Amino acid sequence: PLHRGDIFNLVSVFHSDAYEEGWDVYGDISELNQ
């Protein structure tokens, strides 16, 4: 939980060579689910 419990923070990490540099790039949900 974060922000006085109003929200939950989620970070999912996996091994992959497919990426773009930067902090505001959208992730590929299909690769995440795979």
PDB file of all heavy atoms in Angstrom:
ATOM      1  N   PRO A   1       0.829  -1.219   0.000  1.00  0.00           N
ATOM      2  CA  PRO A   1       0.000   0.000   0.000  1.00  0.00           C
ATOM      3  C   PRO A   1       0.855   1.257   0.000  1.00  0.00           C
ATOM      4  O   PRO A   1       1.964   1.282   0.511  1.00  0.00           O
ATOM      5  CB  PRO A   1      -0.810  -0.122   1.297  1.00  0.00           C
ATOM      6  CG  PRO A   1       0.027  -0.999   2.182  1.00  0.00           C
ATOM      7  CD  PRO A   1       0.758  -1.946   1.280  1.00  0.00           C
ATOM      8  N   LEU A   2       0.280   2.320  -0.589  1.00  0.00           N
ATOM      9  CA  LEU A   2       0.979   3.593  -0.718  1.00  0.00           C
ATOM     10  C   LEU A   2       0.016   4.746  -0.441  1.00  0.00           C
ATOM     11  O   LEU A   2      -1.201   4.560  -0.426  1.00  0.00           O
ATOM     12  CB  LEU A   2       1.501   3.769  -2.153  1.00  0.00           C
ATOM     13  CG  LEU A   2       2.868   3.232  -2.537  1.00  0.00           C
ATOM     14  CD1 LEU A   2       3.145   3.604  -3.984  1.00  0.00           C
ATOM     15  CD2 LEU A   2       3.962   3.749  -1.633  1.00  0.00           C
ATOM     16  N   HIS A   3       0.583   5.932  -0.297  1.00  0.00           N
ATOM     17  CA  HIS A   3      -0.189   7.180  -0.251  1.00  0.00           C
ATOM     18  C   HIS A   3      -1.291   7.088   0.807  1.00  0.00           C
ATOM     19  O   HIS A   3      -2.486   7.237   0.527  1.00  0.00           O
ATOM     20  CB  HIS A   3      -0.775   7.470  -1.630  1.00  0.00           C
ATOM     21  CG  HIS A   3      -1.047   8.931  -1.868  1.00  0.00           C
ATOM     22  ND1 HIS A   3      -0.116   9.907  -1.645  1.00  0.00           N
ATOM     23  CD2 HIS A   3      -2.157   9.564  -2.316  1.00  0.00           C
ATOM     24  CE1 HIS A   3      -0.641  11.081  -1.946  1.00  0.00           C
ATOM     25  NE2 HIS A   3      -1.880  10.904  -2.345  1.00  0.00           N
ATOM     26  N   ARG A   4      -0.847   6.812   2.039  1.00  0.00           N
ATOM     27  CA  ARG A   4      -1.744   6.663   3.192  1.00  0.00           C
ATOM     28  C   ARG A   4      -2.731   5.513   3.012  1.00  0.00           C
ATOM     29  O   ARG A   4      -3.811   5.505   3.595  1.00  0.00           O
ATOM     30  CB  ARG A   4      -2.471   7.986   3.471  1.00  0.00           C
ATOM     31  CG  ARG A   4      -1.527   9.138   3.842  1.00  0.00           C
ATOM     32  CD  ARG A   4      -2.269  10.449   3.997  1.00  0.00           C
ATOM     33  NE  ARG A   4      -2.866  10.892   2.746  1.00  0.00           N
ATOM     34  CZ  ARG A   4      -2.198  11.550   1.798  1.00  0.00           C
ATOM     35  NH1 ARG A   4      -0.917  11.843   1.972  1.00  0.00           N
ATOM     36  NH2 ARG A   4      -2.801  11.919   0.690  1.00  0.00           N
ATOM     37  N   GLY A   5      -2.368   4.532   2.156  1.00  0.00           N
ATOM     38  CA  GLY A   5      -3.199   3.353   1.951  1.00  0.00           C
ATOM     39  C   GLY A   5      -4.233   3.504   0.868  1.00  0.00           C
ATOM     40  O   GLY A   5      -5.007   2.567   0.618  1.00  0.00           O
ATOM     41  N   ASP A   6      -4.257   4.645   0.142  1.00  0.00           N
ATOM     42  CA  ASP A   6      -5.269   4.875  -0.892  1.00  0.00           C
ATOM     43  C   ASP A   6      -5.030   4.035  -2.138  1.00  0.00           C
ATOM     44  O   ASP A   6      -5.971   3.735  -2.879  1.00  0.00           O
ATOM     45  CB  ASP A   6      -5.289   6.352  -1.306  1.00  0.00           C
ATOM     46  CG  ASP A   6      -5.692   7.271  -0.168  1.00  0.00           C
ATOM     47  OD1 ASP A   6      -6.354   6.783   0.770  1.00  0.00           O
ATOM     48  OD2 ASP A   6      -5.359   8.467  -0.223  1.00  0.00           O
ATOM     49  N   ILE A   7      -3.782   3.695  -2.405  1.00  0.00           N
ATOM     50  CA  ILE A   7      -3.433   2.940  -3.605  1.00  0.00           C
ATOM     51  C   ILE A   7      -2.440   1.846  -3.238  1.00  0.00           C
ATOM     52  O   ILE A   7      -1.833   1.878  -2.171  1.00  0.00           O
ATOM     53  CB  ILE A   7      -2.812   3.844  -4.699  1.00  0.00           C
ATOM     54  CG1 ILE A   7      -1.580   4.585  -4.149  1.00  0.00           C
ATOM     55  CG2 ILE A   7      -3.843   4.825  -5.248  1.00  0.00           C
ATOM     56  CD1 ILE A   7      -0.867   5.452  -5.171  1.00  0.00           C
ATOM     57  N   PHE A   8      -2.299   0.885  -4.129  1.00  0.00           N
ATOM     58  CA  PHE A   8      -1.273  -0.149  -3.989  1.00  0.00           C
ATOM     59  C   PHE A   8      -0.268   0.004  -5.119  1.00  0.00           C
ATOM     60  O   PHE A   8      -0.634   0.257  -6.271  1.00  0.00           O
ATOM     61  CB  PHE A   8      -1.893  -1.549  -4.032  1.00  0.00           C
ATOM     62  CG  PHE A   8      -2.252  -2.097  -2.683  1.00  0.00           C
ATOM     63  CD1 PHE A   8      -3.172  -1.438  -1.869  1.00  0.00           C
ATOM     64  CD2 PHE A   8      -1.679  -3.269  -2.206  1.00  0.00           C
ATOM     65  CE1 PHE A   8      -3.509  -1.929  -0.625  1.00  0.00           C
ATOM     66  CE2 PHE A   8      -2.010  -3.768  -0.962  1.00  0.00           C
ATOM     67  CZ  PHE A   8      -2.920  -3.100  -0.160  1.00  0.00           C
ATOM     68  N   ASN A   9       0.991  -0.125  -4.764  1.00  0.00           N
ATOM     69  CA  ASN A   9       2.074  -0.096  -5.740  1.00  0.00           C
ATOM     70  C   ASN A   9       2.337  -1.505  -6.239  1.00  0.00           C
ATOM     71  O   ASN A   9       2.426  -2.450  -5.442  1.00  0.00           O
ATOM     72  CB  ASN A   9       3.340   0.463  -5.086  1.00  0.00           C
ATOM     73  CG  ASN A   9       4.453   0.705  -6.074  1.00  0.00           C
ATOM     74  OD1 ASN A   9       4.288   1.476  -7.007  1.00  0.00           O
ATOM     75  ND2 ASN A   9       5.588   0.054  -5.875  1.00  0.00           N
ATOM     76  N   LEU A  10       2.442  -1.676  -7.546  1.00  0.00           N
ATOM     77  CA  LEU A  10       2.771  -2.959  -8.142  1.00  0.00           C
ATOM     78  C   LEU A  10       4.010  -2.804  -9.011  1.00  0.00           C
ATOM     79  O   LEU A  10       4.089  -1.879  -9.839  1.00  0.00           O
ATOM     80  CB  LEU A  10       1.631  -3.485  -9.030  1.00  0.00           C
ATOM     81  CG  LEU A  10       0.449  -4.195  -8.366  1.00  0.00           C
ATOM     82  CD1 LEU A  10      -0.386  -3.219  -7.551  1.00  0.00           C
ATOM     83  CD2 LEU A  10      -0.425  -4.855  -9.433  1.00  0.00           C
ATOM     84  N   VAL A  11       4.975  -3.688  -8.816  1.00  0.00           N
ATOM     85  CA  VAL A  11       6.145  -3.755  -9.690  1.00  0.00           C
ATOM     86  C   VAL A  11       6.345  -5.215 -10.073  1.00  0.00           C
ATOM     87  O   VAL A  11       6.551  -6.070  -9.204  1.00  0.00           O
ATOM     88  CB  VAL A  11       7.414  -3.208  -9.011  1.00  0.00           C
ATOM     89  CG1 VAL A  11       8.600  -3.301  -9.975  1.00  0.00           C
ATOM     90  CG2 VAL A  11       7.220  -1.768  -8.564  1.00  0.00           C
ATOM     91  N   SER A  12       6.252  -5.489 -11.355  1.00  0.00           N
ATOM     92  CA  SER A  12       6.490  -6.844 -11.857  1.00  0.00           C
ATOM     93  C   SER A  12       7.778  -6.834 -12.667  1.00  0.00           C
ATOM     94  O   SER A  12       7.982  -5.955 -13.508  1.00  0.00           O
ATOM     95  CB  SER A  12       5.308  -7.314 -12.718  1.00  0.00           C
ATOM     96  OG  SER A  12       5.039  -6.387 -13.752  1.00  0.00           O
ATOM     97  N   VAL A  13       8.632  -7.803 -12.386  1.00  0.00           N
ATOM     98  CA  VAL A  13       9.960  -7.853 -13.000  1.00  0.00           C
ATOM     99  C   VAL A  13      10.143  -9.213 -13.660  1.00  0.00           C
ATOM    100  O   VAL A  13       9.767 -10.245 -13.098  1.00  0.00           O
ATOM    101  CB  VAL A  13      11.065  -7.612 -11.950  1.00  0.00           C
ATOM    102  CG1 VAL A  13      12.447  -7.686 -12.592  1.00  0.00           C
ATOM    103  CG2 VAL A  13      10.872  -6.256 -11.273  1.00  0.00           C
ATOM    104  N   PHE A  14      10.719  -9.203 -14.854  1.00  0.00           N
ATOM    105  CA  PHE A  14      11.011 -10.465 -15.540  1.00  0.00           C
ATOM    106  C   PHE A  14      12.233 -10.287 -16.414  1.00  0.00           C
ATOM    107  O   PHE A  14      12.649  -9.166 -16.723  1.00  0.00           O
ATOM    108  CB  PHE A  14       9.810 -10.940 -16.367  1.00  0.00           C
ATOM    109  CG  PHE A  14       9.305  -9.936 -17.366  1.00  0.00           C
ATOM    110  CD1 PHE A  14       9.794  -9.897 -18.662  1.00  0.00           C
ATOM    111  CD2 PHE A  14       8.328  -9.019 -16.996  1.00  0.00           C
ATOM    112  CE1 PHE A  14       9.329  -8.973 -19.585  1.00  0.00           C
ATOM    113  CE2 PHE A  14       7.844  -8.096 -17.916  1.00  0.00           C
ATOM    114  CZ  PHE A  14       8.338  -8.066 -19.211  1.00  0.00           C
ATOM    115  N   HIS A  15      12.823 -11.414 -16.814  1.00  0.00           N
ATOM    116  CA  HIS A  15      14.005 -11.393 -17.656  1.00  0.00           C
ATOM    117  C   HIS A  15      13.577 -11.256 -19.121  1.00  0.00           C
ATOM    118  O   HIS A  15      12.717 -11.995 -19.600  1.00  0.00           O
ATOM    119  CB  HIS A  15      14.805 -12.683 -17.486  1.00  0.00           C
ATOM    120  CG  HIS A  15      15.417 -12.831 -16.134  1.00  0.00           C
ATOM    121  ND1 HIS A  15      16.488 -13.674 -15.891  1.00  0.00           N
ATOM    122  CD2 HIS A  15      15.137 -12.260 -14.935  1.00  0.00           C
ATOM    123  CE1 HIS A  15      16.827 -13.615 -14.604  1.00  0.00           C
ATOM    124  NE2 HIS A  15      16.008 -12.765 -14.020  1.00  0.00           N
ATOM    125  N   SER A  16      14.186 -10.315 -19.822  1.00  0.00           N
ATOM    126  CA  SER A  16      13.853 -10.106 -21.225  1.00  0.00           C
ATOM    127  C   SER A  16      14.923  -9.230 -21.865  1.00  0.00           C
ATOM    128  O   SER A  16      15.507  -8.371 -21.211  1.00  0.00           O
ATOM    129  CB  SER A  16      12.486  -9.433 -21.373  1.00  0.00           C
ATOM    130  OG  SER A  16      12.218  -9.116 -22.728  1.00  0.00           O
ATOM    131  N   ASP A  17      15.139  -9.440 -23.151  1.00  0.00           N
ATOM    132  CA  ASP A  17      16.037  -8.581 -23.913  1.00  0.00           C
ATOM    133  C   ASP A  17      15.269  -7.534 -24.709  1.00  0.00           C
ATOM    134  O   ASP A  17      15.876  -6.707 -25.408  1.00  0.00           O
ATOM    135  CB  ASP A  17      16.891  -9.418 -24.879  1.00  0.00           C
ATOM    136  CG  ASP A  17      17.858 -10.334 -24.148  1.00  0.00           C
ATOM    137  OD1 ASP A  17      18.349  -9.933 -23.077  1.00  0.00           O
ATOM    138  OD2 ASP A  17      18.109 -11.458 -24.639  1.00  0.00           O
ATOM    139  N   ALA A  18      13.945  -7.562 -24.630  1.00  0.00           N
ATOM    140  CA  ALA A  18      13.114  -6.613 -25.369  1.00  0.00           C
ATOM    141  C   ALA A  18      12.769  -5.440 -24.469  1.00  0.00           C
ATOM    142  O   ALA A  18      12.053  -5.601 -23.483  1.00  0.00           O
ATOM    143  CB  ALA A  18      11.837  -7.301 -25.845  1.00  0.00           C
ATOM    144  N   TYR A  19      13.310  -4.265 -24.802  1.00  0.00           N
ATOM    145  CA  TYR A  19      13.038  -3.099 -23.959  1.00  0.00           C
ATOM    146  C   TYR A  19      13.283  -1.828 -24.741  1.00  0.00           C
ATOM    147  O   TYR A  19      13.927  -1.827 -25.789  1.00  0.00           O
ATOM    148  CB  TYR A  19      13.924  -3.106 -22.712  1.00  0.00           C
ATOM    149  CG  TYR A  19      15.392  -2.908 -22.997  1.00  0.00           C
ATOM    150  CD1 TYR A  19      15.958  -1.634 -23.065  1.00  0.00           C
ATOM    151  CD2 TYR A  19      16.226  -3.999 -23.210  1.00  0.00           C
ATOM    152  CE1 TYR A  19      17.302  -1.457 -23.338  1.00  0.00           C
ATOM    153  CE2 TYR A  19      17.574  -3.825 -23.484  1.00  0.00           C
ATOM    154  CZ  TYR A  19      18.102  -2.561 -23.545  1.00  0.00           C
ATOM    155  OH  TYR A  19      19.431  -2.386 -23.822  1.00  0.00           O
ATOM    156  N   GLU A  20      12.738  -0.745 -24.229  1.00  0.00           N
ATOM    157  CA  GLU A  20      13.041   0.604 -24.694  1.00  0.00           C
ATOM    158  C   GLU A  20      13.534   1.397 -23.498  1.00  0.00           C
ATOM    159  O   GLU A  20      13.060   1.203 -22.383  1.00  0.00           O
ATOM    160  CB  GLU A  20      11.800   1.287 -25.283  1.00  0.00           C
ATOM    161  CG  GLU A  20      11.256   0.625 -26.524  1.00  0.00           C
ATOM    162  CD  GLU A  20      10.022   1.344 -27.041  1.00  0.00           C
ATOM    163  OE1 GLU A  20      10.087   2.578 -27.212  1.00  0.00           O
ATOM    164  OE2 GLU A  20       8.998   0.683 -27.240  1.00  0.00           O
ATOM    165  N   GLU A  21      14.483   2.289 -23.730  1.00  0.00           N
ATOM    166  CA  GLU A  21      15.031   3.083 -22.639  1.00  0.00           C
ATOM    167  C   GLU A  21      14.051   4.174 -22.234  1.00  0.00           C
ATOM    168  O   GLU A  21      13.315   4.699 -23.059  1.00  0.00           O
ATOM    169  CB  GLU A  21      16.371   3.703 -23.053  1.00  0.00           C
ATOM    170  CG  GLU A  21      17.458   2.657 -23.267  1.00  0.00           C
ATOM    171  CD  GLU A  21      18.732   3.247 -23.845  1.00  0.00           C
ATOM    172  OE1 GLU A  21      18.750   4.469 -24.104  1.00  0.00           O
ATOM    173  OE2 GLU A  21      19.686   2.490 -24.055  1.00  0.00           O
ATOM    174  N   GLY A  22      14.042   4.492 -20.938  1.00  0.00           N
ATOM    175  CA  GLY A  22      13.177   5.553 -20.449  1.00  0.00           C
ATOM    176  C   GLY A  22      12.264   5.055 -19.345  1.00  0.00           C
ATOM    177  O   GLY A  22      12.155   3.849 -19.087  1.00  0.00           O
ATOM    178  N   TRP A  23      11.591   6.026 -18.695  1.00  0.00           N
ATOM    179  CA  TRP A  23      10.714   5.711 -17.574  1.00  0.00           C
ATOM    180  C   TRP A  23       9.243   5.741 -17.952  1.00  0.00           C
ATOM    181  O   TRP A  23       8.400   5.272 -17.217  1.00  0.00           O
ATOM    182  CB  TRP A  23      10.952   6.713 -16.439  1.00  0.00           C
ATOM    183  CG  TRP A  23      11.982   6.281 -15.473  1.00  0.00           C
ATOM    184  CD1 TRP A  23      13.322   6.286 -15.649  1.00  0.00           C
ATOM    185  CD2 TRP A  23      11.772   5.758 -14.158  1.00  0.00           C
ATOM    186  NE1 TRP A  23      13.968   5.810 -14.523  1.00  0.00           N
ATOM    187  CE2 TRP A  23      13.032   5.487 -13.595  1.00  0.00           C
ATOM    188  CE3 TRP A  23      10.637   5.518 -13.382  1.00  0.00           C
ATOM    189  CZ2 TRP A  23      13.195   4.973 -12.325  1.00  0.00           C
ATOM    190  CZ3 TRP A  23      10.796   5.006 -12.113  1.00  0.00           C
ATOM    191  CH2 TRP A  23      12.064   4.737 -11.597  1.00  0.00           C
ATOM    192  N   ASP A  24       8.909   6.295 -19.101  1.00  0.00           N
ATOM    193  CA  ASP A  24       7.507   6.488 -19.455  1.00  0.00           C
ATOM    194  C   ASP A  24       7.122   5.717 -20.704  1.00  0.00           C
ATOM    195  O   ASP A  24       6.264   6.142 -21.478  1.00  0.00           O
ATOM    196  CB  ASP A  24       7.212   7.985 -19.637  1.00  0.00           C
ATOM    197  CG  ASP A  24       7.163   8.712 -18.306  1.00  0.00           C
ATOM    198  OD1 ASP A  24       6.606   8.151 -17.353  1.00  0.00           O
ATOM    199  OD2 ASP A  24       7.687   9.832 -18.222  1.00  0.00           O
ATOM    200  N   VAL A  25       7.755   4.575 -20.898  1.00  0.00           N
ATOM    201  CA  VAL A  25       7.434   3.703 -22.020  1.00  0.00           C
ATOM    202  C   VAL A  25       6.378   2.699 -21.569  1.00  0.00           C
ATOM    203  O   VAL A  25       6.449   2.167 -20.460  1.00  0.00           O
ATOM    204  CB  VAL A  25       8.706   2.975 -22.511  1.00  0.00           C
ATOM    205  CG1 VAL A  25       8.380   2.043 -23.666  1.00  0.00           C
ATOM    206  CG2 VAL A  25       9.777   3.982 -22.894  1.00  0.00           C
ATOM    207  N   TYR A  26       5.410   2.446 -22.409  1.00  0.00           N
ATOM    208  CA  TYR A  26       4.357   1.490 -22.039  1.00  0.00           C
ATOM    209  C   TYR A  26       4.835   0.060 -22.252  1.00  0.00           C
ATOM    210  O   TYR A  26       5.502  -0.245 -23.245  1.00  0.00           O
ATOM    211  CB  TYR A  26       3.093   1.753 -22.854  1.00  0.00           C
ATOM    212  CG  TYR A  26       2.346   2.978 -22.380  1.00  0.00           C
ATOM    213  CD1 TYR A  26       2.518   4.201 -23.021  1.00  0.00           C
ATOM    214  CD2 TYR A  26       1.494   2.914 -21.287  1.00  0.00           C
ATOM    215  CE1 TYR A  26       1.845   5.336 -22.582  1.00  0.00           C
ATOM    216  CE2 TYR A  26       0.826   4.040 -20.844  1.00  0.00           C
ATOM    217  CZ  TYR A  26       0.998   5.241 -21.489  1.00  0.00           C
ATOM    218  OH  TYR A  26       0.343   6.360 -21.049  1.00  0.00           O
ATOM    219  N   GLY A  27       4.481  -0.807 -21.320  1.00  0.00           N
ATOM    220  CA  GLY A  27       4.886  -2.194 -21.384  1.00  0.00           C
ATOM    221  C   GLY A  27       3.957  -3.042 -22.236  1.00  0.00           C
ATOM    222  O   GLY A  27       2.811  -2.678 -22.511  1.00  0.00           O
ATOM    223  N   ASP A  28       4.445  -4.200 -22.643  1.00  0.00           N
ATOM    224  CA  ASP A  28       3.713  -5.153 -23.482  1.00  0.00           C
ATOM    225  C   ASP A  28       3.008  -6.158 -22.572  1.00  0.00           C
ATOM    226  O   ASP A  28       3.644  -7.034 -21.986  1.00  0.00           O
ATOM    227  CB  ASP A  28       4.705  -5.851 -24.417  1.00  0.00           C
ATOM    228  CG  ASP A  28       4.033  -6.831 -25.367  1.00  0.00           C
ATOM    229  OD1 ASP A  28       2.855  -7.156 -25.158  1.00  0.00           O
ATOM    230  OD2 ASP A  28       4.711  -7.300 -26.305  1.00  0.00           O
ATOM    231  N   ILE A  29       1.703  -6.035 -22.452  1.00  0.00           N
ATOM    232  CA  ILE A  29       0.948  -6.900 -21.534  1.00  0.00           C
ATOM    233  C   ILE A  29       1.024  -8.358 -21.969  1.00  0.00           C
ATOM    234  O   ILE A  29       1.073  -9.267 -21.125  1.00  0.00           O
ATOM    235  CB  ILE A  29      -0.519  -6.425 -21.435  1.00  0.00           C
ATOM    236  CG1 ILE A  29      -0.559  -5.056 -20.743  1.00  0.00           C
ATOM    237  CG2 ILE A  29      -1.380  -7.436 -20.679  1.00  0.00           C
ATOM    238  CD1 ILE A  29      -1.949  -4.476 -20.605  1.00  0.00           C
ATOM    239  N   SER A  30       1.063  -8.615 -23.259  1.00  0.00           N
ATOM    240  CA  SER A  30       1.126 -10.010 -23.712  1.00  0.00           C
ATOM    241  C   SER A  30       2.431 -10.666 -23.281  1.00  0.00           C
ATOM    242  O   SER A  30       2.435 -11.839 -22.862  1.00  0.00           O
ATOM    243  CB  SER A  30       0.976 -10.078 -25.233  1.00  0.00           C
ATOM    244  OG  SER A  30       2.037  -9.402 -25.887  1.00  0.00           O
ATOM    245  N   GLU A  31       3.555  -9.937 -23.346  1.00  0.00           N
ATOM    246  CA  GLU A  31       4.814 -10.507 -22.876  1.00  0.00           C
ATOM    247  C   GLU A  31       4.788 -10.699 -21.368  1.00  0.00           C
ATOM    248  O   GLU A  31       5.256 -11.719 -20.855  1.00  0.00           O
ATOM    249  CB  GLU A  31       6.004  -9.626 -23.257  1.00  0.00           C
ATOM    250  CG  GLU A  31       7.325 -10.253 -22.808  1.00  0.00           C
ATOM    251  CD  GLU A  31       8.562  -9.451 -23.171  1.00  0.00           C
ATOM    252  OE1 GLU A  31       8.427  -8.270 -23.509  1.00  0.00           O
ATOM    253  OE2 GLU A  31       9.665 -10.025 -23.096  1.00  0.00           O
ATOM    254  N   LEU A  32       4.223  -9.734 -20.659  1.00  0.00           N
ATOM    255  CA  LEU A  32       4.115  -9.854 -19.204  1.00  0.00           C
ATOM    256  C   LEU A  32       3.352 -11.121 -18.826  1.00  0.00           C
ATOM    257  O   LEU A  32       3.796 -11.915 -17.983  1.00  0.00           O
ATOM    258  CB  LEU A  32       3.405  -8.621 -18.639  1.00  0.00           C
ATOM    259  CG  LEU A  32       3.141  -8.620 -17.129  1.00  0.00           C
ATOM    260  CD1 LEU A  32       4.433  -8.431 -16.360  1.00  0.00           C
ATOM    261  CD2 LEU A  32       2.134  -7.535 -16.768  1.00  0.00           C
ATOM    262  N   ASN A  33       2.198 -11.348 -19.445  1.00  0.00           N
ATOM    263  CA  ASN A  33       1.387 -12.529 -19.127  1.00  0.00           C
ATOM    264  C   ASN A  33       2.107 -13.813 -19.503  1.00  0.00           C
ATOM    265  O   ASN A  33       1.984 -14.829 -18.801  1.00  0.00           O
ATOM    266  CB  ASN A  33       0.040 -12.438 -19.855  1.00  0.00           C
ATOM    267  CG  ASN A  33      -0.860 -11.356 -19.283  1.00  0.00           C
ATOM    268  OD1 ASN A  33      -0.752 -11.010 -18.105  1.00  0.00           O
ATOM    269  ND2 ASN A  33      -1.739 -10.814 -20.112  1.00  0.00           N
ATOM    270  N   GLN A  34       2.865 -13.776 -20.576  1.00  0.00           N
ATOM    271  CA  GLN A  34       3.631 -14.954 -20.981  1.00  0.00           C
ATOM    272  C   GLN A  34       4.695 -15.297 -19.940  1.00  0.00           C
ATOM    273  O   GLN A  34       4.877 -16.472 -19.588  1.00  0.00           O
ATOM    274  CB  GLN A  34       4.278 -14.697 -22.337  1.00  0.00           C
ATOM    275  CG  GLN A  34       5.172 -15.833 -22.819  1.00  0.00           C
ATOM    276  CD  GLN A  34       5.917 -15.472 -24.097  1.00  0.00           C
ATOM    277  OE1 GLN A  34       5.630 -14.447 -24.725  1.00  0.00           O
ATOM    278  NE2 GLN A  34       6.878 -16.288 -24.474  1.00  0.00           N
TER     279      GLN A  34
END
